[in-house]
Amino acid sequence: MALAHLHRIDPEANMARFYCIDVAATLFGDVSVVRTWGRIGTNGRTKLETCATVEEAERAASQTLRQKMRRGYLPAAQMLPPDLMV
């Protein structure tokens, strides 16, 4: 499960993007920040950043999350039209 799943949608600019970020353990005992992004409806691209500690990985994930939210990304649940929200 992703730590955060964000969307940025702007129909006027034909923009429909997603950004997922997660912190996960590797097979070798390290911790990684996994970032996946792209156009909604595609598999997107993935980048894996290996960190020495869980704290370092969480710090990197939080920093990226703040940056994306400053750029207009919102949690995916907030992007649903009001009639579809449960």
Protein backbone atom coordinates (compact mmCIF):
# COMPACT_ATOMS: atom_id res chain seq x y z
CA MET A 1 0.00 0.00 0.00
CA ALA A 2 1.32 3.43 -0.94
CA LEU A 3 2.25 5.96 1.73
CA ALA A 4 0.60 8.60 -0.47
CA HIS A 5 -1.30 8.52 -3.76
CA LEU A 6 -1.69 11.99 -5.26
CA HIS A 7 -3.44 13.36 -8.34
CA ARG A 8 -3.15 16.62 -10.21
CA ILE A 9 -5.93 17.22 -12.71
CA ASP A 10 -6.41 20.33 -14.83
CA PRO A 11 -8.76 19.77 -17.80
CA GLU A 12 -7.90 23.16 -19.33
CA ALA A 13 -4.23 22.14 -19.59
CA ASN A 14 -5.08 18.51 -20.55
CA MET A 15 -3.26 17.46 -17.36
CA ALA A 16 -4.16 14.26 -15.52
CA ARG A 17 -1.18 13.12 -13.47
CA PHE A 18 -0.62 10.76 -10.56
CA TYR A 19 2.22 10.43 -8.09
CA CYS A 20 2.63 7.56 -5.62
CA ILE A 21 5.27 7.40 -2.93
CA ASP A 22 6.03 4.53 -0.55
CA VAL A 23 8.74 3.42 1.88
CA ALA A 24 9.63 -0.27 1.57
CA ALA A 25 12.30 -2.70 2.74
CA THR A 26 14.70 -4.21 0.20
CA LEU A 27 15.86 -7.82 0.07
CA PHE A 28 19.25 -6.76 1.41
CA GLY A 29 18.02 -5.11 4.61
CA ASP A 30 18.09 -1.53 3.36
CA VAL A 31 15.09 0.76 3.11
CA SER A 32 13.94 2.36 -0.14
CA VAL A 33 11.71 5.20 -1.18
CA VAL A 34 9.67 4.03 -4.18
CA ARG A 35 8.24 6.80 -6.37
CA THR A 36 5.86 6.12 -9.25
CA TRP A 37 4.47 8.87 -11.46
CA GLY A 38 2.83 9.44 -14.81
CA ARG A 39 -0.40 10.16 -16.63
CA ILE A 40 -3.52 8.71 -15.01
CA GLY A 41 -4.44 5.50 -16.84
CA THR A 42 -0.82 4.50 -17.58
CA ASN A 43 1.71 2.43 -15.65
CA GLY A 44 3.94 5.47 -15.35
CA ARG A 45 7.61 5.46 -14.41
CA THR A 46 9.24 4.27 -11.19
CA LYS A 47 12.31 5.46 -9.33
CA LEU A 48 13.86 3.64 -6.38
CA GLU A 49 16.04 5.54 -3.89
CA THR A 50 17.85 3.36 -1.34
CA CYS A 51 18.42 4.84 2.12
CA ALA A 52 20.53 3.63 5.04
CA THR A 53 17.82 4.00 7.71
CA VAL A 54 14.04 4.07 7.97
CA GLU A 55 14.23 7.62 9.34
CA GLU A 56 16.23 8.80 6.33
CA ALA A 57 13.73 7.17 3.95
CA GLU A 58 10.74 8.69 5.76
CA ARG A 59 12.42 12.11 5.69
CA ALA A 60 13.00 11.84 1.92
CA ALA A 61 9.41 10.67 1.34
CA SER A 62 7.98 13.50 3.46
CA GLN A 63 10.09 16.09 1.66
CA THR A 64 8.91 14.85 -1.75
CA LEU A 65 5.30 14.74 -0.55
CA ARG A 66 5.45 18.36 0.64
CA GLN A 67 7.03 19.43 -2.65
CA LYS A 68 4.31 17.75 -4.74
CA MET A 69 1.52 19.23 -2.63
CA ARG A 70 3.04 22.72 -3.05
CA ARG A 71 2.89 22.11 -6.82
CA GLY A 72 -0.85 21.41 -6.73
CA TYR A 73 -1.09 17.64 -6.18
CA LEU A 74 -3.87 16.51 -3.84
CA PRO A 75 -4.63 13.15 -2.20
CA ALA A 76 -6.52 11.02 -4.75
CA ALA A 77 -9.69 10.81 -2.60
CA GLN A 78 -9.99 14.62 -2.65
CA MET A 79 -9.98 14.62 -6.45
CA LEU A 80 -13.25 12.67 -6.78
CA PRO A 81 -16.39 14.58 -7.74
CA PRO A 82 -18.64 15.11 -4.67
CA ASP A 83 -21.32 12.71 -5.98
CA LEU A 84 -18.78 9.83 -6.12
CA MET A 85 -17.29 10.34 -2.64
CA VAL A 86 -18.42 7.87 0.00
